[in-house]
N, C-alpha and C. Protein backbone atom coordinates (compact mmCIF):
# COMPACT_ATOMS: atom_id res chain seq x y z
N MET A 1 0.75 -1.18 -0.04
CA MET A 1 0.37 -0.20 0.22
C MET A 1 0.93 1.64 0.10
N LYS A 2 0.27 1.82 -1.14
CA LYS A 2 1.06 3.90 -0.53
C LYS A 2 0.61 3.97 0.49
N PRO A 3 2.22 5.18 0.31
CA PRO A 3 2.70 5.74 1.34
C PRO A 3 1.34 6.43 1.99
N ARG A 4 0.57 7.38 0.84
CA ARG A 4 -0.39 7.94 1.07
C ARG A 4 -1.67 7.59 1.27
N HIS A 5 -2.57 6.18 0.49
CA HIS A 5 -2.75 5.81 1.07
C HIS A 5 -3.51 5.18 2.23
N LEU A 6 -2.14 5.14 2.29
CA LEU A 6 -2.14 4.36 4.38
C LEU A 6 -2.33 5.73 5.30
N PHE A 7 -2.04 6.99 4.93
CA PHE A 7 -2.25 7.82 5.76
C PHE A 7 -3.35 8.13 5.24
N ALA A 8 -4.22 7.88 4.70
CA ALA A 8 -6.06 8.32 3.49
C ALA A 8 -6.83 7.80 5.41
N LEU A 9 -6.64 6.54 4.82
CA LEU A 9 -6.96 4.92 5.77
C LEU A 9 -6.63 5.57 7.10
N LEU A 10 -5.82 5.74 7.93
CA LEU A 10 -5.85 6.31 8.73
C LEU A 10 -6.05 7.45 9.17
N SER A 11 -6.12 8.14 8.91
CA SER A 11 -7.67 9.13 9.09
C SER A 11 -8.48 9.10 9.07
N ALA A 12 -9.14 8.18 7.79
CA ALA A 12 -10.42 8.22 8.08
C ALA A 12 -11.09 7.27 9.75
N ILE A 13 -10.27 5.91 9.87
CA ILE A 13 -10.24 5.67 11.02
C ILE A 13 -10.22 6.37 11.97
N ILE A 14 -9.50 7.55 12.03
CA ILE A 14 -9.11 8.31 13.49
C ILE A 14 -10.10 8.65 13.15
N ALA A 15 -10.64 9.37 12.64
CA ALA A 15 -12.22 11.14 12.09
C ALA A 15 -13.04 9.93 12.72
N THR A 16 -12.83 8.32 12.65
CA THR A 16 -14.34 7.64 12.63
C THR A 16 -14.40 8.04 14.30
N ALA A 17 -13.41 7.02 14.38
CA ALA A 17 -13.04 7.15 16.21
C ALA A 17 -13.58 8.07 16.90
N ALA A 18 -13.15 9.91 16.92
CA ALA A 18 -13.19 10.88 17.33
C ALA A 18 -14.51 11.35 16.72
N SER A 19 -15.34 11.26 15.82
CA SER A 19 -17.31 11.66 15.86
C SER A 19 -17.52 11.05 17.28
N ALA A 20 -17.64 9.54 17.54
CA ALA A 20 -18.56 9.15 18.16
C ALA A 20 -18.09 9.83 19.06
N ASP A 21 -19.29 9.78 20.46
CA ASP A 21 -19.43 10.72 21.56
C ASP A 21 -19.90 9.43 22.65
N SER A 22 -18.78 9.02 23.80
CA SER A 22 -19.28 8.21 25.23
C SER A 22 -20.14 9.00 25.68
N TYR A 23 -21.49 8.02 26.09
CA TYR A 23 -21.87 8.38 27.52
C TYR A 23 -21.82 7.22 28.68
N THR A 24 -22.29 8.52 30.08
CA THR A 24 -22.68 7.28 30.91
C THR A 24 -23.65 7.60 31.88
N ILE A 25 -24.28 5.99 31.83
CA ILE A 25 -26.15 6.55 32.28
C ILE A 25 -25.76 6.69 32.58
N ASP A 26 -26.54 7.51 33.27
CA ASP A 26 -27.74 7.86 35.22
C ASP A 26 -28.18 6.93 35.64
N PRO A 27 -27.78 6.02 36.67
CA PRO A 27 -28.74 5.05 37.11
C PRO A 27 -29.50 5.97 37.69
N ARG A 28 -29.43 7.56 38.98
CA ARG A 28 -30.54 7.91 39.27
C ARG A 28 -31.90 8.19 38.12
N HIS A 29 -31.24 8.58 36.66
CA HIS A 29 -32.82 8.36 36.12
C HIS A 29 -32.84 7.39 34.61
N THR A 30 -32.09 6.50 35.74
CA THR A 30 -32.39 5.12 34.53
C THR A 30 -32.56 3.60 35.83
N PHE A 31 -34.27 3.40 35.00
CA PHE A 31 -34.22 2.14 35.91
C PHE A 31 -35.38 1.27 35.25
N PRO A 32 -34.83 0.14 34.76
CA PRO A 32 -35.69 -0.62 34.18
C PRO A 32 -37.31 -1.55 35.03
N SER A 33 -38.33 -1.56 34.44
CA SER A 33 -39.39 -1.10 34.86
C SER A 33 -40.02 -2.70 34.48
N PHE A 34 -40.82 -3.66 34.79
CA PHE A 34 -41.44 -4.80 34.01
C PHE A 34 -42.46 -4.71 35.11
N GLU A 35 -43.47 -5.81 34.36
CA GLU A 35 -45.22 -5.78 34.51
C GLU A 35 -44.69 -7.04 33.69
N VAL A 36 -45.79 -7.95 34.52
CA VAL A 36 -46.25 -9.29 34.16
C VAL A 36 -48.03 -9.94 34.16
N SER A 37 -48.80 -10.44 33.86
CA SER A 37 -49.30 -11.27 34.26
C SER A 37 -49.63 -11.82 35.56
N HIS A 38 -50.48 -11.10 36.55
CA HIS A 38 -50.55 -12.70 38.05
C HIS A 38 -52.39 -13.38 37.90
N TYR A 39 -51.80 -14.03 36.84
CA TYR A 39 -52.95 -15.38 37.21
C TYR A 39 -54.48 -14.20 36.88
N GLY A 40 -54.25 -13.15 35.48
CA GLY A 40 -55.63 -12.96 34.69
C GLY A 40 -56.35 -11.58 35.95
N PHE A 41 -56.09 -11.69 36.96
CA PHE A 41 -56.27 -10.34 37.71
C PHE A 41 -56.14 -9.40 37.69
N SER A 42 -54.24 -9.17 37.96
CA SER A 42 -53.95 -7.74 38.21
C SER A 42 -52.76 -7.96 36.86
N LEU A 43 -52.16 -6.57 36.66
CA LEU A 43 -50.17 -6.40 36.38
C LEU A 43 -49.84 -6.08 38.13
N GLN A 44 -48.89 -6.97 38.34
CA GLN A 44 -48.41 -7.34 38.93
C GLN A 44 -46.82 -6.18 38.55
N ARG A 45 -46.13 -5.47 38.45
CA ARG A 45 -44.58 -4.67 38.47
C ARG A 45 -43.91 -4.72 39.28
N GLY A 46 -42.68 -4.72 38.91
CA GLY A 46 -41.89 -4.31 39.81
C GLY A 46 -40.78 -3.70 38.69
N ARG A 47 -38.76 -3.52 39.57
CA ARG A 47 -38.37 -2.38 39.22
C ARG A 47 -36.71 -3.10 39.38
N PHE A 48 -35.80 -2.65 38.80
CA PHE A 48 -34.31 -2.48 39.42
C PHE A 48 -33.85 -1.63 39.35
N ASN A 49 -32.99 -1.40 40.75
CA ASN A 49 -32.73 0.03 41.72
C ASN A 49 -31.10 0.05 41.12
N LYS A 50 -30.57 -1.34 40.45
CA LYS A 50 -28.95 -0.99 40.38
C LYS A 50 -28.50 -1.23 39.45
N LEU A 51 -28.01 -0.30 38.42
CA LEU A 51 -27.62 -0.49 36.68
C LEU A 51 -26.70 0.39 37.05
N SER A 52 -25.70 -0.47 35.41
CA SER A 52 -24.84 0.70 35.43
C SER A 52 -24.43 0.37 33.40
N GLY A 53 -23.60 1.46 32.84
CA GLY A 53 -23.96 1.29 31.34
C GLY A 53 -23.36 2.73 30.81
N THR A 54 -23.28 2.19 29.10
CA THR A 54 -22.21 3.34 28.15
C THR A 54 -23.21 3.11 27.11
N LEU A 55 -23.29 3.89 26.30
CA LEU A 55 -24.02 4.93 24.84
C LEU A 55 -22.78 5.60 24.65
N ASP A 56 -22.53 4.50 23.36
CA ASP A 56 -21.97 5.79 22.32
C ASP A 56 -22.22 5.52 20.83
N LEU A 57 -22.45 7.23 20.94
CA LEU A 57 -23.03 7.93 19.75
C LEU A 57 -22.65 8.58 18.87
N ASP A 58 -22.48 7.91 17.36
CA ASP A 58 -21.80 8.95 16.09
C ASP A 58 -22.43 9.15 15.00
N THR A 59 -23.02 10.60 15.46
CA THR A 59 -23.73 11.79 14.67
C THR A 59 -23.48 11.19 12.91
N GLY A 60 -22.42 12.21 13.24
CA GLY A 60 -21.32 11.60 11.61
C GLY A 60 -21.38 10.50 11.16
N ALA A 61 -21.44 9.30 11.47
CA ALA A 61 -22.47 7.64 11.30
C ALA A 61 -23.66 7.30 11.08
N LYS A 62 -24.21 8.52 12.23
CA LYS A 62 -25.74 8.16 12.55
C LYS A 62 -25.69 6.43 13.13
N LYS A 63 -25.01 5.94 13.87
CA LYS A 63 -24.17 4.89 14.17
C LYS A 63 -25.00 5.03 15.64
N GLY A 64 -24.94 3.64 16.94
CA GLY A 64 -24.82 4.04 18.25
C GLY A 64 -24.45 2.54 18.72
N SER A 65 -24.25 2.59 19.63
CA SER A 65 -24.07 1.23 20.55
C SER A 65 -24.42 1.62 22.20
N VAL A 66 -24.75 0.66 22.78
CA VAL A 66 -24.63 -0.01 23.92
C VAL A 66 -24.74 -0.89 24.67
N GLU A 67 -24.59 -0.58 26.18
CA GLU A 67 -24.43 -1.85 27.07
C GLU A 67 -25.05 -1.09 28.17
N ILE A 68 -25.56 -2.17 28.65
CA ILE A 68 -26.27 -2.10 29.79
C ILE A 68 -26.52 -3.04 30.91
N THR A 69 -25.65 -2.68 32.69
CA THR A 69 -25.84 -4.27 33.41
C THR A 69 -26.43 -3.93 34.34
N ILE A 70 -27.63 -4.74 34.12
CA ILE A 70 -28.69 -4.46 35.59
C ILE A 70 -28.28 -5.23 36.53
N ASP A 71 -27.99 -4.66 38.10
CA ASP A 71 -28.53 -5.82 39.73
C ASP A 71 -28.91 -6.63 40.02
N THR A 72 -29.87 -7.76 39.20
CA THR A 72 -30.96 -8.22 39.13
C THR A 72 -31.05 -8.78 40.98
N THR A 73 -29.90 -8.38 41.96
CA THR A 73 -30.60 -8.71 43.23
C THR A 73 -31.38 -6.77 43.70
N SER A 74 -31.17 -5.92 43.20
CA SER A 74 -31.45 -5.19 43.66
C SER A 74 -33.55 -4.85 43.08
N VAL A 75 -33.38 -6.31 42.61
CA VAL A 75 -35.32 -6.32 41.65
C VAL A 75 -36.08 -5.65 43.25
N ASP A 76 -37.04 -4.73 42.77
CA ASP A 76 -37.71 -3.89 44.16
C ASP A 76 -39.30 -4.03 43.84
N MET A 77 -40.13 -5.24 44.79
CA MET A 77 -41.51 -5.14 43.68
C MET A 77 -42.26 -4.82 45.35
N GLY A 78 -41.59 -3.39 46.22
CA GLY A 78 -42.62 -2.95 46.81
C GLY A 78 -42.49 -3.61 48.21
N PHE A 79 -42.27 -4.53 49.10
CA PHE A 79 -41.66 -5.40 49.93
C PHE A 79 -40.61 -6.71 50.20
N GLU A 80 -40.22 -6.10 51.47
CA GLU A 80 -38.54 -7.04 51.28
C GLU A 80 -38.83 -8.33 51.47
N ASP A 81 -39.35 -9.02 51.83
CA ASP A 81 -40.33 -10.77 51.73
C ASP A 81 -40.76 -10.99 50.44
N TRP A 82 -41.31 -9.96 49.49
CA TRP A 82 -41.48 -10.32 47.67
C TRP A 82 -39.72 -10.45 47.18
N ASN A 83 -39.36 -9.69 47.71
CA ASN A 83 -38.21 -9.13 46.77
C ASN A 83 -37.13 -10.46 46.74
N LYS A 84 -37.41 -10.93 47.90
CA LYS A 84 -36.24 -12.39 48.32
C LYS A 84 -37.24 -13.15 47.49
N HIS A 85 -38.19 -13.19 47.89
CA HIS A 85 -39.24 -14.85 46.73
C HIS A 85 -38.78 -13.99 45.15
N MET A 86 -38.40 -12.83 44.45
CA MET A 86 -38.14 -12.67 43.53
C MET A 86 -35.98 -12.98 43.39
N ARG A 87 -36.29 -13.02 44.36
CA ARG A 87 -34.50 -13.47 44.01
C ARG A 87 -34.25 -14.73 43.76
N GLY A 88 -35.26 -15.13 43.98
CA GLY A 88 -35.07 -16.93 44.85
C GLY A 88 -34.75 -18.08 43.14
N GLU A 89 -35.22 -18.97 43.52
CA GLU A 89 -34.81 -19.96 42.48
C GLU A 89 -36.17 -20.34 41.50
N ARG A 90 -37.18 -19.59 42.23
CA ARG A 90 -37.88 -19.84 41.47
C ARG A 90 -37.95 -18.65 40.53
N PHE A 91 -37.00 -17.36 40.41
CA PHE A 91 -37.20 -16.63 39.49
C PHE A 91 -36.22 -16.25 39.04
N PHE A 92 -35.68 -15.19 39.32
CA PHE A 92 -34.73 -14.36 38.80
C PHE A 92 -33.09 -15.21 39.37
N GLN A 93 -33.02 -15.88 40.88
CA GLN A 93 -32.05 -16.92 40.38
C GLN A 93 -31.21 -15.83 41.16
N THR A 94 -30.56 -14.84 41.75
CA THR A 94 -29.29 -13.64 42.00
C THR A 94 -28.28 -14.64 42.17
N ASP A 95 -28.18 -15.81 43.47
CA ASP A 95 -27.25 -16.35 44.41
C ASP A 95 -25.93 -17.09 42.59
N LYS A 96 -27.20 -17.59 41.30
CA LYS A 96 -26.04 -17.66 40.03
C LYS A 96 -26.17 -16.38 39.37
N PHE A 97 -27.01 -16.09 38.95
CA PHE A 97 -27.14 -14.85 38.08
C PHE A 97 -27.14 -13.83 38.45
N PRO A 98 -26.70 -13.08 38.90
CA PRO A 98 -26.65 -11.34 39.92
C PRO A 98 -26.75 -10.27 39.25
N GLN A 99 -26.58 -10.78 37.13
CA GLN A 99 -26.43 -9.36 36.49
C GLN A 99 -27.37 -10.18 35.44
N ALA A 100 -27.97 -8.86 34.49
CA ALA A 100 -29.28 -9.67 33.18
C ALA A 100 -27.98 -8.65 32.34
N ARG A 101 -27.50 -8.59 31.13
CA ARG A 101 -26.73 -7.22 30.22
C ARG A 101 -27.79 -7.33 28.92
N PHE A 102 -27.74 -6.13 28.80
CA PHE A 102 -28.09 -5.95 27.42
C PHE A 102 -27.36 -5.15 26.08
N VAL A 103 -26.86 -5.79 25.20
CA VAL A 103 -25.90 -5.07 24.82
C VAL A 103 -26.56 -4.90 22.80
N ALA A 104 -25.97 -3.54 22.50
CA ALA A 104 -25.89 -3.70 21.42
C ALA A 104 -24.83 -2.58 21.00
N ARG A 105 -24.58 -3.40 19.61
CA ARG A 105 -23.21 -2.89 18.82
C ARG A 105 -22.75 -2.03 18.10
N ASP A 106 -24.39 -2.23 17.10
CA ASP A 106 -24.30 -0.93 16.27
C ASP A 106 -26.22 -0.84 16.37
N PHE A 107 -26.65 0.54 16.02
CA PHE A 107 -28.25 0.48 15.78
C PHE A 107 -28.15 1.74 14.98
N ALA A 108 -29.24 1.60 14.08
CA ALA A 108 -28.95 2.89 13.20
C ALA A 108 -29.58 5.01 14.18
N PHE A 109 -28.82 5.57 14.11
CA PHE A 109 -29.25 6.63 15.09
C PHE A 109 -29.50 7.58 14.02
N ASP A 110 -30.24 7.84 13.92
CA ASP A 110 -31.24 10.11 13.42
C ASP A 110 -30.99 11.11 15.17
N PRO A 111 -30.13 11.85 14.28
CA PRO A 111 -30.16 12.53 15.89
C PRO A 111 -31.85 13.41 16.07
N ASP A 112 -32.80 13.43 15.40
CA ASP A 112 -33.51 13.26 15.94
C ASP A 112 -34.75 12.63 16.64
N LYS A 113 -34.24 11.61 16.18
CA LYS A 113 -34.89 9.94 17.05
C LYS A 113 -34.31 8.94 16.53
N PRO A 114 -33.77 7.61 17.33
CA PRO A 114 -33.59 6.40 16.56
C PRO A 114 -34.73 5.56 16.53
N GLY A 115 -33.90 4.98 14.99
CA GLY A 115 -34.60 3.80 15.60
C GLY A 115 -34.47 2.72 16.24
N PRO A 116 -35.73 1.43 16.07
CA PRO A 116 -35.52 0.79 16.79
C PRO A 116 -34.17 0.56 18.12
N VAL A 117 -33.54 0.01 18.84
CA VAL A 117 -32.76 -1.02 18.92
C VAL A 117 -32.44 -2.59 18.76
N ASN A 118 -31.69 -2.83 18.34
CA ASN A 118 -31.28 -3.92 18.34
C ASN A 118 -30.99 -5.02 18.81
N GLY A 119 -31.03 -5.49 19.76
CA GLY A 119 -29.39 -5.89 20.58
C GLY A 119 -30.30 -7.43 20.98
N GLU A 120 -28.64 -7.65 22.16
CA GLU A 120 -29.30 -9.09 22.89
C GLU A 120 -29.50 -8.70 24.51
N LEU A 121 -30.90 -9.36 24.80
CA LEU A 121 -30.44 -9.47 26.57
C LEU A 121 -29.92 -11.16 27.01
N THR A 122 -29.02 -10.92 27.55
CA THR A 122 -28.92 -12.33 28.58
C THR A 122 -29.56 -12.16 30.28
N LEU A 123 -30.26 -13.13 30.54
CA LEU A 123 -31.12 -12.93 32.04
C LEU A 123 -30.80 -14.61 31.93
N LEU A 124 -31.00 -14.78 33.26
CA LEU A 124 -30.47 -16.13 33.95
C LEU A 124 -29.61 -17.19 33.31
N GLY A 125 -28.54 -16.28 32.72
CA GLY A 125 -27.66 -17.01 31.87
C GLY A 125 -27.47 -18.31 29.73
N VAL A 126 -28.87 -17.62 29.71
CA VAL A 126 -29.59 -17.45 28.39
C VAL A 126 -29.53 -16.13 27.92
N THR A 127 -29.16 -15.97 26.74
CA THR A 127 -29.28 -14.91 25.53
C THR A 127 -30.09 -14.65 25.07
N ARG A 128 -30.87 -14.15 24.33
CA ARG A 128 -31.92 -13.58 23.50
C ARG A 128 -31.80 -12.57 22.31
N SER A 129 -32.15 -12.49 21.36
CA SER A 129 -32.30 -11.23 20.76
C SER A 129 -33.65 -10.48 21.18
N VAL A 130 -33.27 -9.15 21.12
CA VAL A 130 -34.20 -8.29 21.61
C VAL A 130 -34.34 -6.94 20.98
N VAL A 131 -36.01 -6.17 20.61
CA VAL A 131 -35.63 -5.04 20.01
C VAL A 131 -36.71 -4.30 20.92
N LEU A 132 -35.20 -2.63 21.18
CA LEU A 132 -36.26 -2.15 22.29
C LEU A 132 -36.83 -0.84 21.16
N LYS A 133 -38.13 -0.91 21.46
CA LYS A 133 -38.61 0.64 20.33
C LYS A 133 -38.62 2.27 21.48
N VAL A 134 -37.67 2.88 20.67
CA VAL A 134 -37.63 4.05 20.98
C VAL A 134 -38.75 5.08 21.23
N GLY A 135 -38.52 5.78 22.32
CA GLY A 135 -40.45 6.46 22.74
C GLY A 135 -39.73 7.57 22.11
N GLN A 136 -39.93 8.67 23.22
CA GLN A 136 -39.29 9.94 23.66
C GLN A 136 -37.91 9.76 23.88
N TRP A 137 -37.15 10.76 23.00
CA TRP A 137 -35.54 10.92 22.40
C TRP A 137 -35.59 12.22 22.63
N ARG A 138 -34.61 12.29 23.38
CA ARG A 138 -33.75 14.09 23.14
C ARG A 138 -32.29 13.84 23.72
N CYS A 139 -31.61 14.67 23.14
CA CYS A 139 -30.00 14.94 23.32
C CYS A 139 -30.52 17.29 23.01
N ALA A 140 -29.43 16.96 24.21
CA ALA A 140 -29.66 18.40 24.64
C ALA A 140 -28.13 19.19 25.63
N LYS A 141 -27.83 20.25 26.03
CA LYS A 141 -27.19 20.20 27.00
C LYS A 141 -28.51 20.07 28.35
N HIS A 142 -27.78 19.71 29.44
CA HIS A 142 -28.01 19.14 30.41
C HIS A 142 -28.49 21.14 31.30
N PRO A 143 -30.20 20.79 31.64
CA PRO A 143 -29.86 21.91 32.04
C PRO A 143 -29.69 22.74 33.47
N ILE A 144 -29.29 21.26 34.10
CA ILE A 144 -28.61 21.60 35.46
C ILE A 144 -26.83 21.81 35.16
N LEU A 145 -26.59 20.30 34.65
CA LEU A 145 -24.93 20.22 34.64
C LEU A 145 -24.32 21.30 33.44
N PRO A 146 -22.69 21.00 32.89
CA PRO A 146 -22.17 22.42 32.25
C PRO A 146 -22.25 20.65 31.45
N ARG A 147 -22.69 20.03 30.73
CA ARG A 147 -22.96 18.65 30.32
C ARG A 147 -23.75 18.50 28.69
N GLN A 148 -23.87 18.03 28.35
CA GLN A 148 -25.08 16.83 26.91
C GLN A 148 -25.20 16.42 27.83
N LEU A 149 -26.97 15.81 27.79
CA LEU A 149 -27.74 14.44 27.63
C LEU A 149 -28.41 14.04 27.04
N CYS A 150 -28.77 12.89 26.76
CA CYS A 150 -29.44 12.29 26.21
C CYS A 150 -30.12 11.48 26.35
N GLY A 151 -31.43 11.77 26.52
CA GLY A 151 -32.71 10.49 27.70
C GLY A 151 -33.57 9.58 26.50
N ALA A 152 -33.87 8.87 26.69
CA ALA A 152 -35.42 8.43 25.62
C ALA A 152 -36.24 7.12 26.69
N ASP A 153 -37.38 7.31 26.62
CA ASP A 153 -38.05 5.81 27.09
C ASP A 153 -37.74 4.83 25.79
N LEU A 154 -37.66 3.54 25.78
CA LEU A 154 -37.44 2.61 25.75
C LEU A 154 -38.79 1.23 26.83
N GLU A 155 -38.98 0.78 25.42
CA GLU A 155 -40.42 -0.99 25.58
C GLU A 155 -40.17 -1.24 24.93
N THR A 156 -40.10 -3.10 25.75
CA THR A 156 -39.67 -4.20 24.60
C THR A 156 -41.08 -5.48 25.66
N THR A 157 -41.18 -6.29 24.73
CA THR A 157 -41.98 -7.39 25.62
C THR A 157 -41.29 -9.00 25.14
N ILE A 158 -40.90 -9.63 26.13
CA ILE A 158 -39.96 -10.69 26.71
C ILE A 158 -40.79 -11.78 26.87
N LYS A 159 -40.98 -13.05 26.44
CA LYS A 159 -41.59 -14.17 26.68
C LYS A 159 -41.14 -14.54 28.56
N ARG A 160 -41.06 -14.76 29.04
CA ARG A 160 -40.19 -15.08 30.17
C ARG A 160 -39.22 -16.90 30.62
N SER A 161 -40.89 -17.73 29.70
CA SER A 161 -40.33 -18.54 29.12
C SER A 161 -39.19 -19.34 28.18
N ASP A 162 -38.64 -18.29 27.96
CA ASP A 162 -37.60 -18.17 26.45
C ASP A 162 -36.07 -17.88 27.15
N PHE A 163 -36.01 -17.62 28.63
CA PHE A 163 -35.24 -18.15 29.03
C PHE A 163 -34.78 -18.04 31.01
N GLY A 164 -35.61 -19.51 30.08
CA GLY A 164 -35.85 -20.55 31.65
C GLY A 164 -36.58 -19.88 32.96
N MET A 165 -37.40 -19.14 32.80
CA MET A 165 -38.06 -18.63 33.81
C MET A 165 -39.58 -19.02 33.75
N ASN A 166 -39.70 -20.79 33.99
CA ASN A 166 -41.22 -20.78 33.80
C ASN A 166 -41.89 -20.79 35.19
N THR A 167 -42.20 -20.35 36.27
CA THR A 167 -42.61 -20.42 36.87
C THR A 167 -43.57 -20.51 37.45
N ASN A 168 -44.94 -21.11 37.33
CA ASN A 168 -46.41 -21.21 37.50
C ASN A 168 -46.69 -20.59 35.82
N LEU A 169 -46.21 -21.15 35.17
CA LEU A 169 -47.02 -21.10 33.72
C LEU A 169 -47.77 -21.23 33.77
N PRO A 170 -48.95 -21.36 32.98
CA PRO A 170 -49.31 -20.01 32.19
C PRO A 170 -50.06 -18.89 33.39
N GLY A 171 -50.70 -19.40 34.14
CA GLY A 171 -51.11 -18.18 35.79
C GLY A 171 -50.17 -17.34 36.07
N ILE A 172 -49.00 -16.65 36.25
CA ILE A 172 -48.38 -15.99 35.58
C ILE A 172 -48.03 -15.57 34.40
N GLY A 173 -47.79 -15.10 33.47
CA GLY A 173 -47.93 -14.56 32.38
C GLY A 173 -46.70 -14.75 31.92
N ASP A 174 -46.85 -15.27 30.94
CA ASP A 174 -44.91 -15.56 29.99
C ASP A 174 -44.77 -14.45 29.77
N ASP A 175 -45.55 -13.08 29.14
CA ASP A 175 -44.88 -12.23 28.17
C ASP A 175 -45.12 -10.77 29.31
N VAL A 176 -43.21 -10.30 29.79
CA VAL A 176 -43.11 -9.47 29.93
C VAL A 176 -43.30 -8.22 29.76
N LYS A 177 -43.92 -7.40 30.35
CA LYS A 177 -43.61 -5.33 28.93
C LYS A 177 -42.01 -4.68 30.30
N ILE A 178 -41.03 -4.76 29.28
CA ILE A 178 -40.42 -4.00 29.91
C ILE A 178 -40.36 -2.77 29.51
N SER A 179 -40.11 -1.54 30.34
CA SER A 179 -40.34 -0.05 30.14
C SER A 179 -39.24 0.56 31.10
N ILE A 180 -38.15 1.54 30.43
CA ILE A 180 -37.03 1.66 30.19
C ILE A 180 -36.95 3.71 30.28
N PRO A 181 -36.85 4.53 30.88
CA PRO A 181 -36.73 5.61 31.14
C PRO A 181 -35.25 5.91 31.06
N VAL A 182 -34.75 6.41 30.28
CA VAL A 182 -32.76 6.07 30.48
C VAL A 182 -32.25 7.26 30.01
N GLU A 183 -31.64 7.88 31.36
CA GLU A 183 -30.58 8.91 30.62
C GLU A 183 -29.58 8.95 30.33
N ALA A 184 -28.23 9.62 29.78
CA ALA A 184 -26.47 9.79 29.71
C ALA A 184 -26.31 10.92 30.13
N LEU A 185 -25.53 11.14 30.82
CA LEU A 185 -24.21 12.08 30.34
C LEU A 185 -23.59 11.93 29.95
N LYS A 186 -23.10 12.77 28.11
CA LYS A 186 -22.10 12.48 28.10
C LYS A 186 -20.39 13.02 28.64
N ASP A 187 -19.40 12.13 28.80
CA ASP A 187 -17.99 11.80 29.24
C ASP A 187 -17.29 13.20 29.07
N SER A 188 -16.59 13.24 30.25
CA SER A 188 -15.68 15.06 29.93
C SER A 188 -14.67 14.90 29.21
């Protein structure tokens, strides 16, 4: 390869890498919640209180990636005895699987509104493809901090049996709706 072609290739790689912005998920404003039918009588809801993650956005290439790790021991159903039950062998098995993880390596990104985010969810040691629908979306200067902030409302529905969580099927529903308000601050 001629030196000028090598230089052009390296410049293009560096320019692409430099145009991606990294963000850190704000755990105070990001909490996945879920709802599932309880024998057809009601929708029971819970959430996870602890998570971490990163978001990378390349507005020039209109692409992004995201990684979120959820601490499943932080499941919150509103009552400590119910939380213990949900952490146990019949549901989240947090002794064996203390984390769930969502990874999307390459999703289409439009600064006005990203399209669906195709990724993989790992839960109970099982990885399945999941598509997150993007609702509200906004990137702008944070109203208080001197940094860029991006936020969205994400939603998907999974079948818990796809991940091996089969307790009390079909009484407790198989379809689990997941909603995630998410905010991420641009790294300085």
